[in-house]
Amino acid sequence: MAKLYVNPKHQMGHINPELQGHFSEHLGRCIYEGLYVGENSDIPNTNGMRNDVVEALKEMQIPVLRWPGGCFADEYHWMDGIGPKESRKKMINTHWGGVVEDNSFGTHEFMELCRQLGCKTYINGNVGSGTVQEMSEWVEYMTFEGVSPMADLRAKNGHPESWKVDYFGVGNENWGCGGNMTPEYYGNLYRRYQTYVRNYKKGQEIYKVCCGPNVDDYYWTEGVLKTTHAHAEWAHGFMNGLSLHYYTHPDGWDNKGSALDFDEEKYYKTLKKTLYMENLIKGHGAIMDRYDPEKKIGLIVDEWGTWYDVEPGTNPGFLYQQNTMRDALVAGINLNIFNKHCDRVKMANIAQLVNVLQAVILTEGEKMIKTPTYHVFNMYKYHQDAELLESYVETEEIGGEKKVPNLHESVSLGKDGRIHVTLNNLSATESYDIEAVFTETAVKGVEGTILTGEMHAHNTFENPDSVHTEKFDKVEIAGQNLKFTIPACSVLHLAVEI
């Protein structure tokens, strides 16, 4: 019997709700068809936003949404997406599928979507092909109240009141699609551009995110921080967050594999690559500690998740893939890791929200399904705004040569006063007996929810509830302990009354 130890007396840090954030890019059918169908669509909508998708995301308690990219952000010129829709400029989306982007979803539409969702806003600015003036005027357009050219233009376009921009990314992947820059060059550009991301309203300061590394590019992290923190006495306030991008590719970038057609070896290989996220957080965190020992700068993992080959017969530039119990475990592992490192990780954004990569929702015309990944986020929402508790689970190595732990957990004290345990069983075939021990704490009650199924299990438009959460009530309470059996290939949430 494996032991899970929880110390409710030792709080390790605060878990920002934004660790469960999301990402929406002008890519494939994420924005158009997925989130936005337009006011004249036969699909039920409010101001063009799909009602079914909005309601599902509200249930999941989406905390923050990143937009408009991604690689698209560094070719996006925001003025193309404001004003009367019939006069908005059309363009070719050169990054994603070569399709026409008609800019009918722009700044006003994004802010309306976030209003309906009740979530925070994360805007990504254009450094790769945009000017300082363009970025400065966008911030003014969105956040300035008073007499100014951009505030007047916003009012002319139907929104006299300013919006709140919670997070602003100064460029995206500037080491690659955002300009193929060196870290020193980008670091100096960041110092310049961020100067004009003005805080126009007291109490509504914008959290500025600097473009950080791709995977294990520690040279980039070192070079950017060295440049941005030169003359450190002047650098206060330059940067609130540093981004990190890491996708789980089972066989690497050139051979991503299928979302549905995989064997047990590939299953464990995927989970092992997912666990590498912890190495990256520690590695980049160690560099950040030298420049920011007080951890004032957050690590922002604003692109993560599985990336497979597209589904057969779909546009290769649309990155549409299915979502199985394997992906549910990828989500659970990552969210546990972010919780455990909440002292440094302050926001994370899975890629992407609808119909793209590891999406929580898939749509097809008027149909909508929730993926296994959706159900994991819906279970993990109880960690939002909670206090991380010290915890440890006894594990054994499984997976043959791939060597992954059989169990993976994180534990928090929620705002509701209950202890929330999220425990993943990574084994594709074996269940495990667990004894959860709560230090110097009597357990008064427990409620459980579980997501489990064969590793290929997934939802389709013909069978939308093949994978779904169920009540988990096979838990024995014995004083300070809980005893239960966790099934193979499962994600479990226990809400424990103390």
Protein backbone atom coordinates (compact mmCIF):
# COMPACT_ATOMS: atom_id res chain seq x y z
CA MET A 1 0.00 0.00 0.00
CA ALA A 2 1.47 3.36 -1.06
CA LYS A 3 1.44 6.19 1.48
CA LEU A 4 0.38 9.75 0.65
CA TYR A 5 1.53 12.18 3.33
CA VAL A 6 -0.14 15.57 3.76
CA ASN A 7 0.94 18.17 6.31
CA PRO A 8 -1.92 20.67 6.73
CA LYS A 9 0.24 22.59 9.23
CA HIS A 10 2.79 23.58 6.59
CA GLN A 11 1.69 25.96 3.85
CA MET A 12 4.26 26.20 1.06
CA GLY A 13 2.93 29.10 -1.03
CA HIS A 14 -0.06 30.64 -2.76
CA ILE A 15 -1.51 29.04 -5.91
CA ASN A 16 -2.56 31.77 -8.32
CA PRO A 17 -5.79 31.02 -10.19
CA GLU A 18 -3.87 31.97 -13.33
CA LEU A 19 -1.90 28.70 -13.15
CA GLN A 20 -4.97 27.25 -14.88
CA GLY A 21 -5.00 29.84 -17.65
CA HIS A 22 -5.69 29.34 -21.36
CA PHE A 23 -4.53 30.54 -24.76
CA SER A 24 -6.48 31.47 -27.90
CA GLU A 25 -4.71 32.28 -31.14
CA HIS A 26 -5.93 33.18 -34.61
CA LEU A 27 -5.13 29.65 -35.67
CA GLY A 28 -7.36 27.09 -37.33
CA ARG A 29 -10.83 27.00 -35.76
CA CYS A 30 -9.92 28.30 -32.32
CA ILE A 31 -11.34 31.82 -32.64
CA TYR A 32 -13.60 31.48 -35.66
CA GLU A 33 -16.14 28.65 -35.28
CA GLY A 34 -14.74 27.72 -31.87
CA LEU A 35 -15.28 30.86 -29.79
CA TYR A 36 -16.78 33.34 -32.23
CA VAL A 37 -19.50 32.68 -34.81
CA GLY A 38 -20.76 36.24 -35.35
CA GLU A 39 -24.01 37.87 -34.34
CA ASN A 40 -25.90 36.53 -37.38
CA SER A 41 -25.04 32.87 -36.87
CA ASP A 42 -27.73 30.21 -36.42
CA ILE A 43 -25.59 28.85 -33.57
CA PRO A 44 -26.92 30.42 -30.33
CA ASN A 45 -24.62 33.30 -29.39
CA THR A 46 -24.36 36.48 -27.38
CA ASN A 47 -22.69 39.32 -29.27
CA GLY A 48 -21.17 36.69 -31.57
CA MET A 49 -19.73 34.45 -28.81
CA ARG A 50 -20.96 30.84 -28.73
CA ASN A 51 -23.25 30.40 -25.72
CA ASP A 52 -22.43 26.71 -25.26
CA VAL A 53 -18.68 27.29 -25.22
CA VAL A 54 -18.92 30.31 -22.92
CA GLU A 55 -21.07 28.40 -20.42
CA ALA A 56 -18.69 25.43 -20.41
CA LEU A 57 -15.69 27.69 -19.82
CA LYS A 58 -17.47 29.54 -17.02
CA GLU A 59 -18.22 26.22 -15.31
CA MET A 60 -14.52 25.41 -15.54
CA GLN A 61 -13.77 28.81 -13.97
CA ILE A 62 -11.32 29.93 -16.64
CA PRO A 63 -9.16 32.54 -14.84
CA VAL A 64 -7.29 34.25 -17.69
CA LEU A 65 -7.16 34.13 -21.51
CA ARG A 66 -4.16 34.97 -23.71
CA TRP A 67 -4.69 36.49 -27.19
CA PRO A 68 -4.04 37.05 -30.19
CA GLY A 69 -1.03 34.69 -30.29
CA GLY A 70 1.37 32.97 -30.51
CA CYS A 71 3.24 33.49 -33.73
CA PHE A 72 0.21 35.38 -35.03
CA ALA A 73 0.82 38.13 -32.44
CA ASP A 74 4.01 39.29 -34.10
CA GLU A 75 2.32 39.81 -37.45
CA TYR A 76 -0.90 41.25 -35.95
CA HIS A 77 -1.60 44.95 -36.36
CA TRP A 78 -4.36 45.81 -33.94
CA MET A 79 -5.83 48.71 -35.92
CA ASP A 80 -6.85 46.21 -38.61
CA GLY A 81 -9.29 44.71 -36.08
CA ILE A 82 -11.28 47.76 -34.95
CA GLY A 83 -14.06 49.84 -36.46
CA PRO A 84 -16.92 48.69 -38.73
CA LYS A 85 -16.39 45.05 -39.63
CA GLU A 86 -17.18 45.54 -43.27
CA SER A 87 -14.26 47.94 -43.61
CA ARG A 88 -11.70 45.99 -41.64
CA LYS A 89 -8.59 44.95 -43.54
CA LYS A 90 -8.36 41.37 -44.76
CA MET A 91 -5.02 39.57 -44.65
CA ILE A 92 -3.47 36.15 -45.24
CA ASN A 93 -2.63 34.22 -42.09
CA THR A 94 0.85 33.26 -43.25
CA HIS A 95 1.69 31.24 -40.15
CA TRP A 96 -1.42 29.09 -39.94
CA GLY A 97 -2.88 27.53 -43.06
CA GLY A 98 -2.61 30.45 -45.48
CA VAL A 99 -6.29 31.28 -44.97
CA VAL A 100 -7.91 34.71 -45.11
CA GLU A 101 -8.09 36.53 -41.78
CA ASP A 102 -10.91 39.07 -42.02
CA ASN A 103 -10.21 40.65 -38.61
CA SER A 104 -13.85 40.42 -37.57
CA PHE A 105 -12.58 39.31 -34.15
CA GLY A 106 -10.44 42.10 -32.75
CA THR A 107 -9.83 44.03 -29.56
CA HIS A 108 -13.47 44.86 -28.83
CA GLU A 109 -14.54 41.26 -29.45
CA PHE A 110 -11.79 39.84 -27.25
CA MET A 111 -12.70 42.15 -24.40
CA GLU A 112 -16.36 41.20 -24.82
CA LEU A 113 -15.45 37.51 -24.68
CA CYS A 114 -13.48 38.01 -21.46
CA ARG A 115 -16.37 40.01 -20.01
CA GLN A 116 -18.73 37.12 -20.69
CA LEU A 117 -16.26 34.62 -19.26
CA GLY A 118 -15.51 36.77 -16.22
CA CYS A 119 -11.78 36.15 -16.72
CA LYS A 120 -8.64 38.28 -16.75
CA THR A 121 -7.13 39.56 -20.01
CA TYR A 122 -3.67 38.70 -21.35
CA ILE A 123 -2.79 40.66 -24.50
CA ASN A 124 0.30 39.78 -26.54
CA GLY A 125 1.87 42.72 -28.34
CA ASN A 126 3.76 42.83 -31.63
CA VAL A 127 7.52 43.33 -31.38
CA GLY A 128 8.52 41.22 -34.40
CA SER A 129 6.90 43.37 -37.10
CA GLY A 130 5.36 46.20 -35.08
CA THR A 131 6.59 49.56 -33.86
CA VAL A 132 6.91 51.05 -30.41
CA GLN A 133 4.27 53.61 -31.41
CA GLU A 134 1.85 50.87 -32.47
CA MET A 135 2.20 49.05 -29.15
CA SER A 136 2.00 52.25 -27.14
CA GLU A 137 -1.16 53.36 -28.91
CA TRP A 138 -2.79 49.95 -28.42
CA VAL A 139 -2.25 50.19 -24.67
CA GLU A 140 -3.63 53.73 -24.74
CA TYR A 141 -6.63 52.60 -26.81
CA MET A 142 -7.49 49.89 -24.33
CA THR A 143 -6.73 51.48 -20.97
CA PHE A 144 -6.72 55.30 -21.10
CA GLU A 145 -9.73 57.26 -19.84
CA GLY A 146 -9.78 60.92 -20.70
CA VAL A 147 -9.05 63.07 -23.72
CA SER A 148 -6.58 61.45 -26.12
CA PRO A 149 -6.55 60.39 -29.76
CA MET A 150 -6.81 56.68 -28.92
CA ALA A 151 -9.45 57.08 -26.20
CA ASP A 152 -11.49 59.18 -28.62
CA LEU A 153 -11.11 56.50 -31.30
CA ARG A 154 -12.24 53.80 -28.88
CA ALA A 155 -15.34 55.85 -28.02
CA LYS A 156 -16.04 56.41 -31.71
CA ASN A 157 -15.92 52.63 -32.14
CA GLY A 158 -18.59 52.15 -29.51
CA HIS A 159 -16.80 51.77 -26.18
CA PRO A 160 -16.33 55.04 -24.27
CA GLU A 161 -15.16 53.26 -21.10
CA SER A 162 -11.65 51.89 -20.89
CA TRP A 163 -10.89 48.21 -20.34
CA LYS A 164 -8.56 46.56 -17.87
CA VAL A 165 -5.52 44.84 -19.35
CA ASP A 166 -4.25 42.50 -16.66
CA TYR A 167 -1.23 41.05 -18.49
CA PHE A 168 0.69 42.28 -21.52
CA GLY A 169 3.29 40.21 -23.37
CA VAL A 170 6.00 42.29 -25.03
CA GLY A 171 6.50 40.05 -28.05
CA ASN A 172 6.22 36.28 -28.48
CA GLU A 173 8.87 33.68 -29.32
CA ASN A 174 11.23 36.40 -30.47
CA TRP A 175 13.96 33.76 -30.63
CA GLY A 176 11.99 32.22 -33.54
CA CYS A 177 8.79 33.22 -35.34
CA GLY A 178 8.79 36.57 -33.53
CA GLY A 179 11.91 37.83 -35.31
CA ASN A 180 14.76 35.27 -34.96
CA MET A 181 16.52 37.60 -32.54
CA THR A 182 19.51 37.07 -30.28
CA PRO A 183 18.80 37.33 -26.54
CA GLU A 184 20.84 40.51 -26.18
CA TYR A 185 19.07 42.21 -29.09
CA TYR A 186 15.64 41.23 -27.80
CA GLY A 187 16.60 42.21 -24.25
CA ASN A 188 17.36 45.74 -25.40
CA LEU A 189 14.21 45.88 -27.51
CA TYR A 190 12.22 44.69 -24.48
CA ARG A 191 13.65 47.52 -22.35
CA ARG A 192 12.57 50.00 -25.01
CA TYR A 193 9.13 48.63 -25.84
CA GLN A 194 8.02 47.98 -22.26
CA THR A 195 8.72 51.63 -21.43
CA TYR A 196 5.67 52.56 -23.48
CA VAL A 197 3.35 49.97 -21.95
CA ARG A 198 2.01 52.74 -19.73
CA ASN A 199 -0.01 52.37 -16.55
CA TYR A 200 -2.71 54.99 -17.06
CA LYS A 201 -4.88 54.11 -14.08
CA LYS A 202 -3.71 53.71 -10.48
CA GLY A 203 -4.63 50.33 -9.09
CA GLN A 204 -4.80 48.81 -12.57
CA GLU A 205 -1.10 48.33 -13.24
CA ILE A 206 -0.32 46.08 -16.19
CA TYR A 207 1.73 42.94 -15.49
CA LYS A 208 4.46 43.00 -18.16
CA VAL A 209 5.68 39.68 -19.55
CA CYS A 210 9.08 39.41 -21.22
CA CYS A 211 9.67 36.78 -23.91
CA GLY A 212 11.54 33.96 -22.25
CA PRO A 213 13.06 30.72 -23.51
CA ASN A 214 12.02 27.86 -25.71
CA VAL A 215 12.31 24.61 -23.73
CA ASP A 216 15.86 24.31 -22.32
CA ASP A 217 17.45 27.34 -23.98
CA TYR A 218 19.23 28.53 -20.85
CA TYR A 219 21.48 30.72 -23.00
CA TRP A 220 18.42 32.80 -23.93
CA THR A 221 17.27 33.17 -20.32
CA GLU A 222 20.73 34.22 -19.18
CA GLY A 223 21.22 36.65 -22.08
CA VAL A 224 17.83 38.34 -21.75
CA LEU A 225 18.04 38.75 -17.98
CA LYS A 226 21.63 39.99 -18.15
CA THR A 227 20.56 42.62 -20.68
CA THR A 228 17.32 43.69 -19.01
CA HIS A 229 18.98 43.86 -15.60
CA ALA A 230 22.05 45.83 -16.66
CA HIS A 231 22.21 48.86 -14.35
CA ALA A 232 19.81 46.97 -12.08
CA GLU A 233 19.06 50.03 -9.99
CA TRP A 234 17.20 51.40 -13.02
CA ALA A 235 15.53 48.14 -13.95
CA HIS A 236 12.89 48.03 -11.22
CA GLY A 237 9.51 47.64 -12.84
CA PHE A 238 10.86 46.65 -16.25
CA MET A 239 9.59 43.10 -15.95
CA ASN A 240 6.93 41.29 -13.96
CA GLY A 241 7.10 37.94 -15.72
CA LEU A 242 9.31 35.85 -18.00
CA SER A 243 7.63 33.37 -20.35
CA LEU A 244 8.54 29.73 -21.01
CA HIS A 245 7.23 27.53 -23.84
CA TYR A 246 7.34 23.75 -23.72
CA TYR A 247 5.23 21.30 -25.70
CA THR A 248 5.07 17.54 -25.18
CA HIS A 249 6.05 15.82 -28.46
CA PRO A 250 6.23 12.03 -28.03
CA ASP A 251 8.91 11.61 -30.72
CA GLY A 252 10.22 15.12 -31.14
CA TRP A 253 9.35 18.05 -33.36
CA ASP A 254 9.72 16.22 -36.68
CA ASN A 255 7.68 13.15 -35.77
CA LYS A 256 4.96 14.10 -33.34
CA GLY A 257 2.89 10.92 -33.62
CA SER A 258 -0.85 10.36 -33.58
CA ALA A 259 -3.26 11.60 -30.93
CA LEU A 260 -5.24 8.34 -31.12
CA ASP A 261 -2.99 5.64 -32.59
CA PHE A 262 -0.30 4.91 -29.98
CA ASP A 263 0.93 1.95 -27.96
CA GLU A 264 1.86 1.60 -24.31
CA GLU A 265 5.49 2.50 -24.98
CA LYS A 266 4.44 5.76 -26.66
CA TYR A 267 1.99 6.44 -23.80
CA TYR A 268 4.77 6.27 -21.19
CA LYS A 269 7.16 8.21 -23.42
CA THR A 270 4.59 11.02 -23.59
CA LEU A 271 4.23 11.13 -19.81
CA LYS A 272 8.00 11.06 -19.30
CA LYS A 273 8.44 14.02 -21.63
CA THR A 274 5.67 15.84 -19.77
CA LEU A 275 7.48 15.34 -16.45
CA TYR A 276 10.46 17.23 -17.99
CA MET A 277 8.49 20.41 -17.26
CA GLU A 278 9.75 20.24 -13.68
CA ASN A 279 13.39 20.16 -14.82
CA LEU A 280 12.76 23.24 -16.96
CA ILE A 281 11.14 25.19 -14.13
CA LYS A 282 14.06 24.35 -11.84
CA GLY A 283 16.70 25.11 -14.49
CA HIS A 284 15.33 28.45 -15.62
CA GLY A 285 14.30 29.25 -12.05
CA ALA A 286 17.93 28.87 -10.92
CA ILE A 287 19.03 31.50 -13.46
CA MET A 288 16.16 33.77 -12.44
CA ASP A 289 17.17 33.39 -8.79
CA ARG A 290 20.51 35.03 -9.52
CA TYR A 291 18.87 38.13 -10.96
CA ASP A 292 15.71 38.02 -8.87
CA PRO A 293 16.42 36.26 -5.55
CA GLU A 294 13.23 37.59 -3.99
CA LYS A 295 11.15 35.93 -6.73
CA LYS A 296 9.39 39.13 -7.72
CA ILE A 297 9.44 38.05 -11.37
CA GLY A 298 7.02 35.25 -12.18
CA LEU A 299 7.78 32.39 -14.54
CA ILE A 300 4.89 32.45 -17.04
CA VAL A 301 4.44 29.11 -18.82
CA ASP A 302 2.13 30.61 -21.40
CA GLU A 303 2.34 27.77 -23.94
CA TRP A 304 2.27 24.12 -22.90
CA GLY A 305 0.48 20.88 -23.73
CA THR A 306 0.59 17.99 -26.19
CA TRP A 307 1.32 18.57 -29.87
CA TYR A 308 0.64 15.63 -32.19
CA ASP A 309 0.20 15.25 -35.93
CA VAL A 310 -3.11 16.73 -37.09
CA GLU A 311 -6.14 14.49 -37.49
CA PRO A 312 -6.20 12.83 -40.94
CA GLY A 313 -8.07 14.86 -43.53
CA THR A 314 -7.77 18.19 -41.71
CA ASN A 315 -5.78 21.27 -42.74
CA PRO A 316 -2.18 20.70 -41.52
CA GLY A 317 -1.98 24.39 -40.62
CA PHE A 318 -4.99 24.18 -38.31
CA LEU A 319 -3.36 21.89 -35.70
CA TYR A 320 -6.60 20.06 -34.92
CA GLN A 321 -6.07 16.95 -32.80
CA GLN A 322 -8.13 14.59 -30.68
CA ASN A 323 -7.79 14.32 -26.91
CA THR A 324 -7.59 11.09 -24.88
CA MET A 325 -7.02 9.93 -21.30
CA ARG A 326 -3.31 10.22 -22.12
CA ASP A 327 -3.87 13.97 -22.52
CA ALA A 328 -5.86 14.07 -19.28
CA LEU A 329 -2.81 12.75 -17.45
CA VAL A 330 -0.54 15.23 -19.24
CA ALA A 331 -2.81 18.00 -17.95
CA GLY A 332 -2.90 16.59 -14.42
CA ILE A 333 0.88 16.21 -14.25
CA ASN A 334 1.53 19.75 -15.49
CA LEU A 335 -1.03 21.33 -13.17
CA ASN A 336 0.45 19.43 -10.21
CA ILE A 337 3.95 20.65 -11.16
CA PHE A 338 2.77 24.26 -11.43
CA ASN A 339 1.13 23.99 -8.02
CA LYS A 340 4.31 22.59 -6.48
CA HIS A 341 6.35 25.48 -7.91
CA CYS A 342 3.88 28.27 -7.20
CA ASP A 343 6.63 30.28 -5.52
CA ARG A 344 8.06 30.97 -9.00
CA VAL A 345 5.34 29.97 -11.52
CA LYS A 346 2.65 32.67 -11.45
CA MET A 347 0.66 31.91 -14.61
CA ALA A 348 0.38 29.10 -17.17
CA ASN A 349 -1.67 28.91 -20.37
CA ILE A 350 -2.42 25.60 -22.05
CA ALA A 351 -2.44 25.63 -25.85
CA GLN A 352 -5.10 26.05 -27.03
CA LEU A 353 -8.63 26.72 -25.84
CA VAL A 354 -10.83 25.29 -28.64
CA ASN A 355 -10.15 23.03 -31.65
CA VAL A 356 -6.35 23.49 -31.57
CA LEU A 357 -3.71 21.24 -29.97
CA GLN A 358 -4.62 20.12 -26.42
CA ALA A 359 -8.00 21.84 -26.45
CA VAL A 360 -10.50 21.60 -23.60
CA ILE A 361 -13.37 21.92 -26.10
CA LEU A 362 -13.94 20.69 -29.65
CA THR A 363 -16.69 22.00 -31.93
CA GLU A 364 -18.21 20.88 -35.22
CA GLY A 365 -20.89 23.22 -36.50
CA GLU A 366 -23.48 23.57 -33.76
CA LYS A 367 -22.06 20.56 -31.85
CA MET A 368 -19.68 20.88 -28.91
CA ILE A 369 -17.85 18.31 -26.79
CA LYS A 370 -15.76 18.56 -23.65
CA THR A 371 -12.46 16.71 -23.87
CA PRO A 372 -10.82 14.67 -21.09
CA THR A 373 -8.52 17.65 -20.56
CA TYR A 374 -11.57 19.83 -19.87
CA HIS A 375 -12.66 17.50 -17.09
CA VAL A 376 -9.22 17.67 -15.48
CA PHE A 377 -9.33 21.48 -15.39
CA ASN A 378 -12.85 21.31 -13.98
CA MET A 379 -11.63 19.08 -11.14
CA TYR A 380 -8.50 21.12 -10.48
CA LYS A 381 -10.38 24.44 -10.21
CA TYR A 382 -10.56 23.96 -6.45
CA HIS A 383 -6.82 24.66 -6.29
CA GLN A 384 -7.40 28.18 -7.64
CA ASP A 385 -6.46 30.86 -5.10
CA ALA A 386 -5.61 28.14 -2.56
CA GLU A 387 -2.58 27.57 -0.32
CA LEU A 388 -0.14 24.85 -1.34
CA LEU A 389 0.33 22.23 1.40
CA GLU A 390 3.39 20.12 1.97
CA SER A 391 2.75 16.66 0.52
CA TYR A 392 4.61 13.57 -0.62
CA VAL A 393 3.54 10.29 -2.20
CA GLU A 394 5.51 7.05 -2.23
CA THR A 395 6.09 5.95 -5.81
CA GLU A 396 7.61 3.16 -7.84
CA GLU A 397 9.03 3.36 -11.34
CA ILE A 398 6.91 1.96 -14.16
CA GLY A 399 6.88 2.14 -17.96
CA GLY A 400 9.78 -0.16 -18.82
CA GLU A 401 12.68 1.83 -20.21
CA LYS A 402 10.70 5.08 -19.99
CA LYS A 403 10.77 5.13 -16.18
CA VAL A 404 7.98 7.33 -14.85
CA PRO A 405 6.59 7.37 -11.30
CA ASN A 406 3.33 5.48 -10.94
CA LEU A 407 1.71 8.28 -8.91
CA HIS A 408 1.79 12.09 -9.04
CA GLU A 409 0.10 14.57 -6.68
CA SER A 410 -0.40 18.06 -5.34
CA VAL A 411 -2.42 19.21 -2.32
CA SER A 412 -3.82 22.56 -1.26
CA LEU A 413 -5.98 24.19 1.40
CA GLY A 414 -8.84 25.74 -0.53
CA LYS A 415 -10.77 28.91 0.05
CA ASP A 416 -13.67 26.67 1.12
CA GLY A 417 -11.65 25.44 4.12
CA ARG A 418 -11.25 21.93 2.70
CA ILE A 419 -8.05 20.14 1.73
CA HIS A 420 -7.98 19.38 -1.99
CA VAL A 421 -5.91 16.41 -3.12
CA THR A 422 -5.29 15.78 -6.82
CA LEU A 423 -3.70 12.40 -7.45
CA ASN A 424 -2.82 10.89 -10.83
CA ASN A 425 -2.27 7.20 -11.52
CA LEU A 426 0.11 7.10 -14.49
CA SER A 427 -0.07 3.34 -14.95
CA ALA A 428 -1.97 2.27 -18.05
CA THR A 429 -2.93 -1.06 -16.48
CA GLU A 430 -2.43 -1.20 -12.70
CA SER A 431 -4.56 0.13 -9.85
CA TYR A 432 -2.95 0.96 -6.49
CA ASP A 433 -4.02 0.87 -2.87
CA ILE A 434 -3.40 4.21 -1.19
CA GLU A 435 -3.29 5.29 2.45
CA ALA A 436 -3.44 9.07 2.84
CA VAL A 437 -2.03 10.28 6.16
CA PHE A 438 -2.87 13.79 7.41
CA THR A 439 -0.40 15.06 10.02
CA GLU A 440 -2.01 15.93 13.36
CA THR A 441 -5.35 16.42 11.62
CA ALA A 442 -8.57 14.48 12.02
CA VAL A 443 -10.55 13.85 8.86
CA LYS A 444 -14.27 14.56 9.26
CA GLY A 445 -15.47 13.82 5.74
CA VAL A 446 -14.45 13.38 2.13
CA GLU A 447 -15.97 13.78 -1.33
CA GLY A 448 -14.32 12.43 -4.44
CA THR A 449 -14.48 12.86 -8.21
CA ILE A 450 -12.60 10.69 -10.68
CA LEU A 451 -11.82 10.66 -14.41
CA THR A 452 -10.65 7.28 -15.62
CA GLY A 453 -10.64 5.08 -18.68
CA GLU A 454 -8.50 3.08 -21.07
CA MET A 455 -5.58 5.19 -22.30
CA HIS A 456 -7.10 5.69 -25.79
CA ALA A 457 -10.54 6.67 -24.43
CA HIS A 458 -11.84 9.92 -25.91
CA ASN A 459 -15.05 11.78 -26.69
CA THR A 460 -16.50 12.16 -30.17
CA PHE A 461 -19.41 14.11 -31.59
CA GLU A 462 -21.25 10.80 -31.93
CA ASN A 463 -20.42 9.77 -28.36
CA PRO A 464 -19.70 12.99 -26.45
CA ASP A 465 -19.72 11.50 -22.93
CA SER A 466 -17.58 8.42 -23.38
CA VAL A 467 -15.06 10.00 -20.99
CA HIS A 468 -16.63 11.86 -18.09
CA THR A 469 -16.16 12.43 -14.38
CA GLU A 470 -17.91 10.25 -11.85
CA LYS A 471 -18.44 10.36 -8.11
CA PHE A 472 -15.70 8.52 -6.20
CA ASP A 473 -17.08 7.31 -2.88
CA LYS A 474 -14.99 4.21 -2.18
CA VAL A 475 -12.94 5.97 0.50
CA GLU A 476 -12.56 4.67 4.05
CA ILE A 477 -12.01 7.23 6.83
CA ALA A 478 -9.87 6.04 9.74
CA GLY A 479 -9.04 8.93 12.09
CA GLN A 480 -6.23 10.88 10.44
CA ASN A 481 -6.09 8.53 7.49
CA LEU A 482 -7.95 7.79 4.28
CA LYS A 483 -7.78 4.46 2.47
CA PHE A 484 -8.83 3.90 -1.14
CA THR A 485 -7.83 2.27 -4.40
CA ILE A 486 -7.01 4.47 -7.39
CA PRO A 487 -7.82 2.82 -10.76
CA ALA A 488 -5.36 2.62 -13.64
CA CYS A 489 -5.01 5.63 -15.96
CA SER A 490 -6.96 8.06 -13.80
CA VAL A 491 -7.08 11.55 -12.34
CA LEU A 492 -8.65 11.78 -8.88
CA HIS A 493 -9.80 14.78 -6.84
CA LEU A 494 -10.58 14.44 -3.14
CA ALA A 495 -12.13 17.27 -1.15
CA VAL A 496 -11.33 16.52 2.50
CA GLU A 497 -13.16 18.12 5.45
CA ILE A 498 -10.98 18.66 8.51
